[in-house]
């Protein structure tokens, strides 16, 4: 009986592939002089939602050039300490874009392994 239920459960269609995924970028304070982002490279699909979660000890600015979220306007969003940003929908284009996260008060730039990057695959 349990095997039959497991088989039936395996045959159910999942709606997970139909809904956009929310991808999160985290910014945090590694030490008093360094802000870091994780993951340093974010790979998303067109239509996915992207948000920055600020775990740093200060408000940050999230600066993304035109392209990933809007074809004509860059993103310039202030994200409060301990808060997530607004969600931004990735466009259905193939591209890679370097973005910036920096502390509002200290002007520290967040780093990954290098400058952080968003990659959209279609």
PDB file of N, CA and C in Angstrom:
ATOM      1  N   UNK A   1       0.823  -1.198   0.000  1.00  0.00           N
ATOM      2  CA  UNK A   1       0.000   0.000   0.000  1.00  0.00           C
ATOM      3  C   UNK A   1       0.868   1.263   0.000  1.00  0.00           C
ATOM      4  N   UNK A   2       1.921   1.264   0.841  1.00  0.00           N
ATOM      5  CA  UNK A   2       2.798   2.435   0.909  1.00  0.00           C
ATOM      6  C   UNK A   2       3.507   2.658  -0.423  1.00  0.00           C
ATOM      7  N   UNK A   3       3.891   1.563  -1.107  1.00  0.00           N
ATOM      8  CA  UNK A   3       4.556   1.697  -2.399  1.00  0.00           C
ATOM      9  C   UNK A   3       3.616   2.312  -3.438  1.00  0.00           C
ATOM     10  N   UNK A   4       2.334   1.937  -3.393  1.00  0.00           N
ATOM     11  CA  UNK A   4       1.376   2.498  -4.344  1.00  0.00           C
ATOM     12  C   UNK A   4       1.225   4.000  -4.127  1.00  0.00           C
ATOM     13  N   UNK A   5       1.164   4.436  -2.847  1.00  0.00           N
ATOM     14  CA  UNK A   5       1.045   5.859  -2.546  1.00  0.00           C
ATOM     15  C   UNK A   5       2.279   6.612  -3.025  1.00  0.00           C
ATOM     16  N   UNK A   6       3.462   6.016  -2.807  1.00  0.00           N
ATOM     17  CA  UNK A   6       4.703   6.663  -3.244  1.00  0.00           C
ATOM     18  C   UNK A   6       4.717   6.797  -4.756  1.00  0.00           C
ATOM     19  N   UNK A   7       4.254   5.782  -5.472  1.00  0.00           N
ATOM     20  CA  UNK A   7       4.220   5.842  -6.929  1.00  0.00           C
ATOM     21  C   UNK A   7       3.271   6.934  -7.385  1.00  0.00           C
ATOM     22  N   UNK A   8       2.104   7.001  -6.755  1.00  0.00           N
ATOM     23  CA  UNK A   8       1.144   8.037  -7.136  1.00  0.00           C
ATOM     24  C   UNK A   8       1.693   9.428  -6.853  1.00  0.00           C
ATOM     25  N   UNK A   9       2.360   9.594  -5.712  1.00  0.00           N
ATOM     26  CA  UNK A   9       2.935  10.894  -5.379  1.00  0.00           C
ATOM     27  C   UNK A   9       3.984  11.306  -6.409  1.00  0.00           C
ATOM     28  N   UNK A  10       4.765  10.354  -6.878  1.00  0.00           N
ATOM     29  CA  UNK A  10       5.794  10.649  -7.862  1.00  0.00           C
ATOM     30  C   UNK A  10       5.226  11.071  -9.208  1.00  0.00           C
ATOM     31  N   UNK A  11       3.991  10.702  -9.505  1.00  0.00           N
ATOM     32  CA  UNK A  11       3.386  11.018 -10.790  1.00  0.00           C
ATOM     33  C   UNK A  11       2.679  12.368 -10.800  1.00  0.00           C
ATOM     34  N   UNK A  12       2.494  12.979  -9.661  1.00  0.00           N
ATOM     35  CA  UNK A  12       1.827  14.275  -9.617  1.00  0.00           C
ATOM     36  C   UNK A  12       2.668  15.318 -10.318  1.00  0.00           C
ATOM     37  N   UNK A  13       1.998  16.212 -11.027  1.00  0.00           N
ATOM     38  CA  UNK A  13       2.712  17.299 -11.688  1.00  0.00           C
ATOM     39  C   UNK A  13       2.945  18.409 -10.682  1.00  0.00           C
ATOM     40  N   UNK A  14       4.123  18.962 -10.705  1.00  0.00           N
ATOM     41  CA  UNK A  14       4.483  20.047  -9.811  1.00  0.00           C
ATOM     42  C   UNK A  14       4.279  21.385 -10.498  1.00  0.00           C
ATOM     43  N   UNK A  15       3.790  22.365  -9.743  1.00  0.00           N
ATOM     44  CA  UNK A  15       3.627  23.719 -10.282  1.00  0.00           C
ATOM     45  C   UNK A  15       4.912  24.523 -10.147  1.00  0.00           C
ATOM     46  N   UNK A  16       5.942  23.910  -9.545  1.00  0.00           N
ATOM     47  CA  UNK A  16       7.192  24.649  -9.302  1.00  0.00           C
ATOM     48  C   UNK A  16       7.791  25.195 -10.589  1.00  0.00           C
ATOM     49  N   UNK A  17       7.691  24.469 -11.681  1.00  0.00           N
ATOM     50  CA  UNK A  17       8.255  24.931 -12.937  1.00  0.00           C
ATOM     51  C   UNK A  17       7.445  26.045 -13.594  1.00  0.00           C
ATOM     52  N   UNK A  18       6.227  26.274 -13.120  1.00  0.00           N
ATOM     53  CA  UNK A  18       5.363  27.281 -13.724  1.00  0.00           C
ATOM     54  C   UNK A  18       5.513  28.652 -13.083  1.00  0.00           C
ATOM     55  N   UNK A  19       5.946  28.697 -11.849  1.00  0.00           N
ATOM     56  CA  UNK A  19       6.053  29.956 -11.131  1.00  0.00           C
ATOM     57  C   UNK A  19       7.479  30.468 -11.151  1.00  0.00           C
ATOM     58  N   UNK A  20       7.662  31.802 -11.217  1.00  0.00           N
ATOM     59  CA  UNK A  20       9.035  32.326 -11.146  1.00  0.00           C
ATOM     60  C   UNK A  20       9.635  32.051  -9.781  1.00  0.00           C
ATOM     61  N   UNK A  21      10.923  31.869  -9.748  1.00  0.00           N
ATOM     62  CA  UNK A  21      11.634  31.631  -8.497  1.00  0.00           C
ATOM     63  C   UNK A  21      12.119  32.956  -7.952  1.00  0.00           C
ATOM     64  N   UNK A  22      12.192  33.053  -6.630  1.00  0.00           N
ATOM     65  CA  UNK A  22      12.785  34.234  -6.014  1.00  0.00           C
ATOM     66  C   UNK A  22      14.226  33.901  -5.685  1.00  0.00           C
ATOM     67  N   UNK A  23      15.140  34.664  -6.259  1.00  0.00           N
ATOM     68  CA  UNK A  23      16.578  34.481  -6.018  1.00  0.00           C
ATOM     69  C   UNK A  23      17.039  35.594  -5.097  1.00  0.00           C
ATOM     70  N   UNK A  24      17.817  35.247  -4.099  1.00  0.00           N
ATOM     71  CA  UNK A  24      18.261  36.234  -3.125  1.00  0.00           C
ATOM     72  C   UNK A  24      19.775  36.416  -3.174  1.00  0.00           C
ATOM     73  N   UNK A  25      20.163  37.674  -3.059  1.00  0.00           N
ATOM     74  CA  UNK A  25      21.558  38.048  -2.895  1.00  0.00           C
ATOM     75  C   UNK A  25      21.666  38.591  -1.478  1.00  0.00           C
ATOM     76  N   UNK A  26      22.638  38.132  -0.723  1.00  0.00           N
ATOM     77  CA  UNK A  26      22.820  38.591   0.648  1.00  0.00           C
ATOM     78  C   UNK A  26      24.049  39.483   0.734  1.00  0.00           C
ATOM     79  N   UNK A  27      23.920  40.605   1.430  1.00  0.00           N
ATOM     80  CA  UNK A  27      25.069  41.456   1.719  1.00  0.00           C
ATOM     81  C   UNK A  27      25.252  41.427   3.231  1.00  0.00           C
ATOM     82  N   UNK A  28      26.500  41.236   3.649  1.00  0.00           N
ATOM     83  CA  UNK A  28      26.793  41.125   5.081  1.00  0.00           C
ATOM     84  C   UNK A  28      28.148  41.742   5.375  1.00  0.00           C
ATOM     85  N   UNK A  29      28.373  42.007   6.645  1.00  0.00           N
ATOM     86  CA  UNK A  29      29.628  42.612   7.085  1.00  0.00           C
ATOM     87  C   UNK A  29      30.577  41.490   7.493  1.00  0.00           C
ATOM     88  N   UNK A  30      31.650  41.311   6.721  1.00  0.00           N
ATOM     89  CA  UNK A  30      32.620  40.259   7.035  1.00  0.00           C
ATOM     90  C   UNK A  30      33.504  40.675   8.212  1.00  0.00           C
ATOM     91  N   UNK A  31      33.895  41.938   8.228  1.00  0.00           N
ATOM     92  CA  UNK A  31      34.667  42.530   9.322  1.00  0.00           C
ATOM     93  C   UNK A  31      34.376  44.029   9.282  1.00  0.00           C
ATOM     94  N   UNK A  32      34.900  44.821  10.215  1.00  0.00           N
ATOM     95  CA  UNK A  32      34.559  46.246  10.238  1.00  0.00           C
ATOM     96  C   UNK A  32      34.896  47.013   8.952  1.00  0.00           C
ATOM     97  N   UNK A  33      35.764  46.467   8.126  1.00  0.00           N
ATOM     98  CA  UNK A  33      36.166  47.170   6.905  1.00  0.00           C
ATOM     99  C   UNK A  33      35.598  46.590   5.617  1.00  0.00           C
ATOM    100  N   UNK A  34      34.905  45.441   5.703  1.00  0.00           N
ATOM    101  CA  UNK A  34      34.540  44.719   4.486  1.00  0.00           C
ATOM    102  C   UNK A  34      33.073  44.316   4.451  1.00  0.00           C
ATOM    103  N   UNK A  35      32.396  44.700   3.368  1.00  0.00           N
ATOM    104  CA  UNK A  35      31.067  44.178   3.064  1.00  0.00           C
ATOM    105  C   UNK A  35      31.239  43.112   1.987  1.00  0.00           C
ATOM    106  N   UNK A  36      30.485  42.020   2.111  1.00  0.00           N
ATOM    107  CA  UNK A  36      30.548  40.934   1.129  1.00  0.00           C
ATOM    108  C   UNK A  36      29.160  40.642   0.605  1.00  0.00           C
ATOM    109  N   UNK A  37      29.092  40.126  -0.630  1.00  0.00           N
ATOM    110  CA  UNK A  37      27.838  39.637  -1.180  1.00  0.00           C
ATOM    111  C   UNK A  37      27.945  38.134  -1.400  1.00  0.00           C
ATOM    112  N   UNK A  38      26.823  37.460  -1.204  1.00  0.00           N
ATOM    113  CA  UNK A  38      26.748  36.019  -1.445  1.00  0.00           C
ATOM    114  C   UNK A  38      25.419  35.732  -2.131  1.00  0.00           C
ATOM    115  N   UNK A  39      25.422  35.022  -3.210  1.00  0.00           N
ATOM    116  CA  UNK A  39      26.567  34.523  -3.954  1.00  0.00           C
ATOM    117  C   UNK A  39      27.206  35.645  -4.771  1.00  0.00           C
ATOM    118  N   UNK A  40      28.518  35.540  -5.026  1.00  0.00           N
ATOM    119  CA  UNK A  40      29.178  36.589  -5.807  1.00  0.00           C
ATOM    120  C   UNK A  40      28.715  36.618  -7.258  1.00  0.00           C
ATOM    121  N   UNK A  41      28.295  35.478  -7.794  1.00  0.00           N
ATOM    122  CA  UNK A  41      27.732  35.400  -9.144  1.00  0.00           C
ATOM    123  C   UNK A  41      26.348  34.771  -9.012  1.00  0.00           C
ATOM    124  N   UNK A  42      25.336  35.481  -9.466  1.00  0.00           N
ATOM    125  CA  UNK A  42      23.960  35.002  -9.394  1.00  0.00           C
ATOM    126  C   UNK A  42      23.489  34.659 -10.796  1.00  0.00           C
ATOM    127  N   UNK A  43      23.095  33.402 -10.999  1.00  0.00           N
ATOM    128  CA  UNK A  43      22.583  32.960 -12.293  1.00  0.00           C
ATOM    129  C   UNK A  43      21.077  32.766 -12.143  1.00  0.00           C
ATOM    130  N   UNK A  44      20.306  33.461 -12.979  1.00  0.00           N
ATOM    131  CA  UNK A  44      18.856  33.378 -12.926  1.00  0.00           C
ATOM    132  C   UNK A  44      18.309  33.112 -14.321  1.00  0.00           C
ATOM    133  N   UNK A  45      17.030  32.783 -14.383  1.00  0.00           N
ATOM    134  CA  UNK A  45      16.343  32.644 -15.656  1.00  0.00           C
ATOM    135  C   UNK A  45      15.446  33.856 -15.839  1.00  0.00           C
ATOM    136  N   UNK A  46      15.199  34.234 -17.076  1.00  0.00           N
ATOM    137  CA  UNK A  46      14.280  35.327 -17.344  1.00  0.00           C
ATOM    138  C   UNK A  46      12.940  35.055 -16.679  1.00  0.00           C
ATOM    139  N   UNK A  47      12.400  36.050 -15.997  1.00  0.00           N
ATOM    140  CA  UNK A  47      11.136  35.893 -15.283  1.00  0.00           C
ATOM    141  C   UNK A  47      11.313  35.655 -13.798  1.00  0.00           C
ATOM    142  N   UNK A  48      12.493  35.199 -13.366  1.00  0.00           N
ATOM    143  CA  UNK A  48      12.752  35.018 -11.936  1.00  0.00           C
ATOM    144  C   UNK A  48      12.740  36.370 -11.231  1.00  0.00           C
ATOM    145  N   UNK A  49      12.379  36.363  -9.963  1.00  0.00           N
ATOM    146  CA  UNK A  49      12.424  37.554  -9.130  1.00  0.00           C
ATOM    147  C   UNK A  49      13.762  37.580  -8.396  1.00  0.00           C
ATOM    148  N   UNK A  50      14.377  38.756  -8.294  1.00  0.00           N
ATOM    149  CA  UNK A  50      15.665  38.905  -7.615  1.00  0.00           C
ATOM    150  C   UNK A  50      15.504  39.956  -6.525  1.00  0.00           C
ATOM    151  N   UNK A  51      16.034  39.650  -5.337  1.00  0.00           N
ATOM    152  CA  UNK A  51      16.026  40.636  -4.256  1.00  0.00           C
ATOM    153  C   UNK A  51      17.351  40.593  -3.518  1.00  0.00           C
ATOM    154  N   UNK A  52      17.714  41.734  -2.949  1.00  0.00           N
ATOM    155  CA  UNK A  52      18.922  41.857  -2.140  1.00  0.00           C
ATOM    156  C   UNK A  52      18.490  41.875  -0.677  1.00  0.00           C
ATOM    157  N   UNK A  53      19.073  41.011   0.131  1.00  0.00           N
ATOM    158  CA  UNK A  53      18.775  40.975   1.564  1.00  0.00           C
ATOM    159  C   UNK A  53      19.946  41.609   2.290  1.00  0.00           C
ATOM    160  N   UNK A  54      19.672  42.686   3.024  1.00  0.00           N
ATOM    161  CA  UNK A  54      20.722  43.443   3.689  1.00  0.00           C
ATOM    162  C   UNK A  54      20.917  42.946   5.118  1.00  0.00           C
ATOM    163  N   UNK A  55      21.979  42.191   5.334  1.00  0.00           N
ATOM    164  CA  UNK A  55      22.349  41.725   6.675  1.00  0.00           C
ATOM    165  C   UNK A  55      23.538  42.510   7.217  1.00  0.00           C
ATOM    166  N   UNK A  56      23.919  43.581   6.536  1.00  0.00           N
ATOM    167  CA  UNK A  56      25.037  44.423   6.976  1.00  0.00           C
ATOM    168  C   UNK A  56      24.563  45.319   8.120  1.00  0.00           C
ATOM    169  N   UNK A  57      25.494  45.939   8.781  1.00  0.00           N
ATOM    170  CA  UNK A  57      25.181  46.791   9.924  1.00  0.00           C
ATOM    171  C   UNK A  57      24.800  48.206   9.556  1.00  0.00           C
ATOM    172  N   UNK A  58      24.478  48.459   8.289  1.00  0.00           N
ATOM    173  CA  UNK A  58      24.086  49.794   7.843  1.00  0.00           C
ATOM    174  C   UNK A  58      23.215  49.677   6.600  1.00  0.00           C
ATOM    175  N   UNK A  59      22.529  50.765   6.247  1.00  0.00           N
ATOM    176  CA  UNK A  59      21.783  50.808   4.998  1.00  0.00           C
ATOM    177  C   UNK A  59      22.770  50.707   3.837  1.00  0.00           C
ATOM    178  N   UNK A  60      22.318  50.105   2.736  1.00  0.00           N
ATOM    179  CA  UNK A  60      23.173  49.987   1.558  1.00  0.00           C
ATOM    180  C   UNK A  60      22.440  50.501   0.328  1.00  0.00           C
ATOM    181  N   UNK A  61      23.220  50.862  -0.689  1.00  0.00           N
ATOM    182  CA  UNK A  61      22.704  51.222  -2.004  1.00  0.00           C
ATOM    183  C   UNK A  61      22.976  50.050  -2.931  1.00  0.00           C
ATOM    184  N   UNK A  62      21.961  49.641  -3.683  1.00  0.00           N
ATOM    185  CA  UNK A  62      22.087  48.573  -4.672  1.00  0.00           C
ATOM    186  C   UNK A  62      21.965  49.233  -6.039  1.00  0.00           C
ATOM    187  N   UNK A  63      23.040  49.192  -6.810  1.00  0.00           N
ATOM    188  CA  UNK A  63      23.104  49.855  -8.112  1.00  0.00           C
ATOM    189  C   UNK A  63      23.303  48.805  -9.206  1.00  0.00           C
ATOM    190  N   UNK A  64      22.320  48.706 -10.094  1.00  0.00           N
ATOM    191  CA  UNK A  64      22.370  47.741 -11.193  1.00  0.00           C
ATOM    192  C   UNK A  64      22.196  48.527 -12.492  1.00  0.00           C
ATOM    193  N   UNK A  65      23.080  48.305 -13.482  1.00  0.00           N
ATOM    194  CA  UNK A  65      22.938  49.048 -14.745  1.00  0.00           C
ATOM    195  C   UNK A  65      21.666  48.633 -15.479  1.00  0.00           C
ATOM    196  N   UNK A  66      21.295  49.412 -16.480  1.00  0.00           N
ATOM    197  CA  UNK A  66      20.137  49.025 -17.288  1.00  0.00           C
ATOM    198  C   UNK A  66      20.435  47.689 -17.953  1.00  0.00           C
ATOM    199  N   UNK A  67      19.408  46.884 -18.098  1.00  0.00           N
ATOM    200  CA  UNK A  67      19.582  45.585 -18.746  1.00  0.00           C
ATOM    201  C   UNK A  67      18.938  44.429 -18.012  1.00  0.00           C
ATOM    202  N   UNK A  68      19.414  44.088 -16.817  1.00  0.00           N
ATOM    203  CA  UNK A  68      18.862  42.896 -16.166  1.00  0.00           C
ATOM    204  C   UNK A  68      17.374  43.000 -15.796  1.00  0.00           C
ATOM    205  N   UNK A  69      16.960  44.168 -15.291  1.00  0.00           N
ATOM    206  CA  UNK A  69      15.582  44.320 -14.832  1.00  0.00           C
ATOM    207  C   UNK A  69      14.768  45.260 -15.705  1.00  0.00           C
ATOM    208  N   UNK A  70      15.405  46.194 -16.351  1.00  0.00           N
ATOM    209  CA  UNK A  70      14.734  47.182 -17.196  1.00  0.00           C
ATOM    210  C   UNK A  70      15.649  47.496 -18.378  1.00  0.00           C
ATOM    211  N   UNK A  71      15.069  47.586 -19.559  1.00  0.00           N
ATOM    212  CA  UNK A  71      15.877  47.805 -20.763  1.00  0.00           C
ATOM    213  C   UNK A  71      16.458  49.208 -20.830  1.00  0.00           C
ATOM    214  N   UNK A  72      15.815  50.176 -20.165  1.00  0.00           N
ATOM    215  CA  UNK A  72      16.256  51.567 -20.316  1.00  0.00           C
ATOM    216  C   UNK A  72      16.698  52.234 -19.021  1.00  0.00           C
ATOM    217  N   UNK A  73      16.196  51.780 -17.872  1.00  0.00           N
ATOM    218  CA  UNK A  73      16.509  52.452 -16.612  1.00  0.00           C
ATOM    219  C   UNK A  73      17.369  51.592 -15.702  1.00  0.00           C
ATOM    220  N   UNK A  74      18.442  52.153 -15.159  1.00  0.00           N
ATOM    221  CA  UNK A  74      19.225  51.419 -14.169  1.00  0.00           C
ATOM    222  C   UNK A  74      18.471  51.370 -12.835  1.00  0.00           C
ATOM    223  N   UNK A  75      18.866  50.456 -11.972  1.00  0.00           N
ATOM    224  CA  UNK A  75      18.282  50.340 -10.632  1.00  0.00           C
ATOM    225  C   UNK A  75      19.185  51.070  -9.646  1.00  0.00           C
ATOM    226  N   UNK A  76      18.608  51.913  -8.828  1.00  0.00           N
ATOM    227  CA  UNK A  76      19.320  52.623  -7.765  1.00  0.00           C
ATOM    228  C   UNK A  76      18.403  52.564  -6.547  1.00  0.00           C
ATOM    229  N   UNK A  77      18.602  51.550  -5.698  1.00  0.00           N
ATOM    230  CA  UNK A  77      17.689  51.316  -4.582  1.00  0.00           C
ATOM    231  C   UNK A  77      18.425  51.329  -3.249  1.00  0.00           C
ATOM    232  N   UNK A  78      17.881  52.052  -2.297  1.00  0.00           N
ATOM    233  CA  UNK A  78      18.397  52.034  -0.924  1.00  0.00           C
ATOM    234  C   UNK A  78      17.689  50.899  -0.193  1.00  0.00           C
ATOM    235  N   UNK A  79      18.490  50.023   0.441  1.00  0.00           N
ATOM    236  CA  UNK A  79      17.949  48.880   1.168  1.00  0.00           C
ATOM    237  C   UNK A  79      18.313  49.048   2.633  1.00  0.00           C
ATOM    238  N   UNK A  80      17.309  49.125   3.474  1.00  0.00           N
ATOM    239  CA  UNK A  80      17.522  49.367   4.898  1.00  0.00           C
ATOM    240  C   UNK A  80      18.227  48.224   5.603  1.00  0.00           C
ATOM    241  N   UNK A  81      18.903  48.568   6.684  1.00  0.00           N
ATOM    242  CA  UNK A  81      19.621  47.582   7.513  1.00  0.00           C
ATOM    243  C   UNK A  81      18.630  46.518   7.993  1.00  0.00           C
ATOM    244  N   UNK A  82      18.981  45.260   7.747  1.00  0.00           N
ATOM    245  CA  UNK A  82      18.140  44.147   8.187  1.00  0.00           C
ATOM    246  C   UNK A  82      16.893  43.925   7.346  1.00  0.00           C
ATOM    247  N   UNK A  83      16.825  44.536   6.173  1.00  0.00           N
ATOM    248  CA  UNK A  83      15.628  44.460   5.322  1.00  0.00           C
ATOM    249  C   UNK A  83      15.953  43.865   3.953  1.00  0.00           C
ATOM    250  N   UNK A  84      14.943  43.304   3.287  1.00  0.00           N
ATOM    251  CA  UNK A  84      15.121  42.921   1.880  1.00  0.00           C
ATOM    252  C   UNK A  84      14.757  44.094   0.977  1.00  0.00           C
ATOM    253  N   UNK A  85      15.291  44.077  -0.226  1.00  0.00           N
ATOM    254  CA  UNK A  85      14.911  45.075  -1.233  1.00  0.00           C
ATOM    255  C   UNK A  85      13.544  44.706  -1.786  1.00  0.00           C
ATOM    256  N   UNK A  86      13.054  45.532  -2.698  1.00  0.00           N
ATOM    257  CA  UNK A  86      11.890  45.158  -3.489  1.00  0.00           C
ATOM    258  C   UNK A  86      12.321  44.005  -4.386  1.00  0.00           C
ATOM    259  N   UNK A  87      11.362  43.220  -4.850  1.00  0.00           N
ATOM    260  CA  UNK A  87      11.688  42.166  -5.806  1.00  0.00           C
ATOM    261  C   UNK A  87      11.692  42.760  -7.210  1.00  0.00           C
ATOM    262  N   UNK A  88      12.677  42.342  -8.002  1.00  0.00           N
ATOM    263  CA  UNK A  88      12.822  42.831  -9.367  1.00  0.00           C
ATOM    264  C   UNK A  88      12.817  41.639 -10.307  1.00  0.00           C
ATOM    265  N   UNK A  89      11.984  41.710 -11.342  1.00  0.00           N
ATOM    266  CA  UNK A  89      11.853  40.605 -12.288  1.00  0.00           C
ATOM    267  C   UNK A  89      12.953  40.669 -13.341  1.00  0.00           C
ATOM    268  N   UNK A  90      13.674  39.549 -13.491  1.00  0.00           N
ATOM    269  CA  UNK A  90      14.724  39.453 -14.510  1.00  0.00           C
ATOM    270  C   UNK A  90      14.073  39.420 -15.891  1.00  0.00           C
ATOM    271  N   UNK A  91      14.600  40.241 -16.790  1.00  0.00           N
ATOM    272  CA  UNK A  91      14.101  40.267 -18.161  1.00  0.00           C
ATOM    273  C   UNK A  91      14.435  38.957 -18.867  1.00  0.00           C
ATOM    274  N   UNK A  92      13.694  38.656 -19.905  1.00  0.00           N
ATOM    275  CA  UNK A  92      13.925  37.433 -20.683  1.00  0.00           C
ATOM    276  C   UNK A  92      14.922  37.717 -21.791  1.00  0.00           C
ATOM    277  N   UNK A  93      16.165  37.966 -21.373  1.00  0.00           N
ATOM    278  CA  UNK A  93      17.282  38.226 -22.283  1.00  0.00           C
ATOM    279  C   UNK A  93      18.489  37.476 -21.732  1.00  0.00           C
ATOM    280  N   UNK A  94      19.445  37.211 -22.599  1.00  0.00           N
ATOM    281  CA  UNK A  94      20.689  36.597 -22.139  1.00  0.00           C
ATOM    282  C   UNK A  94      21.710  37.709 -21.979  1.00  0.00           C
ATOM    283  N   UNK A  95      22.236  37.859 -20.767  1.00  0.00           N
ATOM    284  CA  UNK A  95      23.232  38.893 -20.513  1.00  0.00           C
ATOM    285  C   UNK A  95      23.926  38.644 -19.188  1.00  0.00           C
ATOM    286  N   UNK A  96      25.004  39.364 -18.982  1.00  0.00           N
ATOM    287  CA  UNK A  96      25.707  39.398 -17.697  1.00  0.00           C
ATOM    288  C   UNK A  96      25.904  40.862 -17.352  1.00  0.00           C
ATOM    289  N   UNK A  97      25.707  41.213 -16.087  1.00  0.00           N
ATOM    290  CA  UNK A  97      25.828  42.615 -15.674  1.00  0.00           C
ATOM    291  C   UNK A  97      26.525  42.703 -14.326  1.00  0.00           C
ATOM    292  N   UNK A  98      27.533  43.534 -14.252  1.00  0.00           N
ATOM    293  CA  UNK A  98      28.221  43.807 -12.994  1.00  0.00           C
ATOM    294  C   UNK A  98      27.392  44.849 -12.248  1.00  0.00           C
ATOM    295  N   UNK A  99      27.148  44.614 -10.965  1.00  0.00           N
ATOM    296  CA  UNK A  99      26.388  45.563 -10.158  1.00  0.00           C
ATOM    297  C   UNK A  99      27.201  45.971  -8.943  1.00  0.00           C
ATOM    298  N   UNK A 100      26.713  46.975  -8.215  1.00  0.00           N
ATOM    299  CA  UNK A 100      27.435  47.504  -7.061  1.00  0.00           C
ATOM    300  C   UNK A 100      26.523  47.528  -5.846  1.00  0.00           C
ATOM    301  N   UNK A 101      27.083  47.169  -4.705  1.00  0.00           N
ATOM    302  CA  UNK A 101      26.422  47.345  -3.413  1.00  0.00           C
ATOM    303  C   UNK A 101      27.408  48.107  -2.548  1.00  0.00           C
ATOM    304  N   UNK A 102      26.942  49.215  -1.953  1.00  0.00           N
ATOM    305  CA  UNK A 102      27.860  49.979  -1.103  1.00  0.00           C
ATOM    306  C   UNK A 102      27.125  50.524   0.107  1.00  0.00           C
ATOM    307  N   UNK A 103      27.867  50.672   1.193  1.00  0.00           N
ATOM    308  CA  UNK A 103      27.308  51.221   2.411  1.00  0.00           C
ATOM    309  C   UNK A 103      26.943  52.680   2.235  1.00  0.00           C
ATOM    310  N   UNK A 104      25.786  53.078   2.746  1.00  0.00           N
ATOM    311  CA  UNK A 104      25.335  54.461   2.608  1.00  0.00           C
ATOM    312  C   UNK A 104      26.204  55.388   3.450  1.00  0.00           C
ATOM    313  N   UNK A 105      26.477  55.014   4.705  1.00  0.00           N
ATOM    314  CA  UNK A 105      27.248  55.880   5.597  1.00  0.00           C
ATOM    315  C   UNK A 105      28.755  55.754   5.371  1.00  0.00           C
ATOM    316  N   UNK A 106      29.248  54.520   5.254  1.00  0.00           N
ATOM    317  CA  UNK A 106      30.696  54.291   5.197  1.00  0.00           C
ATOM    318  C   UNK A 106      31.255  54.315   3.777  1.00  0.00           C
ATOM    319  N   UNK A 107      30.372  54.194   2.780  1.00  0.00           N
ATOM    320  CA  UNK A 107      30.778  54.143   1.359  1.00  0.00           C
ATOM    321  C   UNK A 107      31.601  52.892   1.028  1.00  0.00           C
ATOM    322  N   UNK A 108      31.599  51.889   1.927  1.00  0.00           N
ATOM    323  CA  UNK A 108      32.307  50.635   1.634  1.00  0.00           C
ATOM    324  C   UNK A 108      31.612  49.915   0.488  1.00  0.00           C
ATOM    325  N   UNK A 109      32.393  49.415  -0.470  1.00  0.00           N
ATOM    326  CA  UNK A 109      31.857  48.626  -1.584  1.00  0.00           C
ATOM    327  C   UNK A 109      31.871  47.157  -1.187  1.00  0.00           C
ATOM    328  N   UNK A 110      30.748  46.476  -1.406  1.00  0.00           N
ATOM    329  CA  UNK A 110      30.676  45.044  -1.140  1.00  0.00           C
ATOM    330  C   UNK A 110      31.363  44.293  -2.274  1.00  0.00           C
ATOM    331  N   UNK A 111      32.041  43.226  -1.921  1.00  0.00           N
ATOM    332  CA  UNK A 111      32.741  42.408  -2.906  1.00  0.00           C
ATOM    333  C   UNK A 111      32.313  40.962  -2.758  1.00  0.00           C
ATOM    334  N   UNK A 112      32.486  40.197  -3.835  1.00  0.00           N
ATOM    335  CA  UNK A 112      32.338  38.752  -3.797  1.00  0.00           C
ATOM    336  C   UNK A 112      33.753  38.224  -3.948  1.00  0.00           C
ATOM    337  N   UNK A 113      33.978  37.300  -4.876  1.00  0.00           N
ATOM    338  CA  UNK A 113      35.328  36.909  -5.226  1.00  0.00           C
ATOM    339  C   UNK A 113      35.948  38.003  -6.086  1.00  0.00           C
ATOM    340  N   UNK A 114      35.080  38.753  -6.763  1.00  0.00           N
ATOM    341  CA  UNK A 114      35.443  39.911  -7.589  1.00  0.00           C
ATOM    342  C   UNK A 114      34.230  40.829  -7.500  1.00  0.00           C
ATOM    343  N   UNK A 115      34.067  41.755  -8.441  1.00  0.00           N
ATOM    344  CA  UNK A 115      32.828  42.533  -8.434  1.00  0.00           C
ATOM    345  C   UNK A 115      31.667  41.567  -8.661  1.00  0.00           C
ATOM    346  N   UNK A 116      30.545  41.753  -7.940  1.00  0.00           N
ATOM    347  CA  UNK A 116      29.422  40.835  -8.095  1.00  0.00           C
ATOM    348  C   UNK A 116      28.780  40.956  -9.475  1.00  0.00           C
ATOM    349  N   UNK A 117      28.191  39.835  -9.949  1.00  0.00           N
ATOM    350  CA  UNK A 117      27.647  39.747 -11.308  1.00  0.00           C
ATOM    351  C   UNK A 117      26.278  39.063 -11.260  1.00  0.00           C
ATOM    352  N   UNK A 118      25.334  39.556 -12.081  1.00  0.00           N
ATOM    353  CA  UNK A 118      24.060  38.858 -12.327  1.00  0.00           C
ATOM    354  C   UNK A 118      24.118  38.330 -13.750  1.00  0.00           C
ATOM    355  N   UNK A 119      23.823  37.043 -13.932  1.00  0.00           N
ATOM    356  CA  UNK A 119      23.783  36.428 -15.257  1.00  0.00           C
ATOM    357  C   UNK A 119      22.358  35.927 -15.485  1.00  0.00           C
ATOM    358  N   UNK A 120      21.766  36.304 -16.610  1.00  0.00           N
ATOM    359  CA  UNK A 120      20.431  35.837 -16.964  1.00  0.00           C
ATOM    360  C   UNK A 120      20.563  34.902 -18.151  1.00  0.00           C
ATOM    361  N   UNK A 121      20.001  33.696 -17.991  1.00  0.00           N
ATOM    362  CA  UNK A 121      20.000  32.708 -19.079  1.00  0.00           C
ATOM    363  C   UNK A 121      18.579  32.575 -19.585  1.00  0.00           C
ATOM    364  N   UNK A 122      18.451  32.461 -20.885  1.00  0.00           N
ATOM    365  CA  UNK A 122      17.108  32.259 -21.446  1.00  0.00           C
ATOM    366  C   UNK A 122      17.018  30.893 -22.091  1.00  0.00           C
TER     367      UNK A 122
END
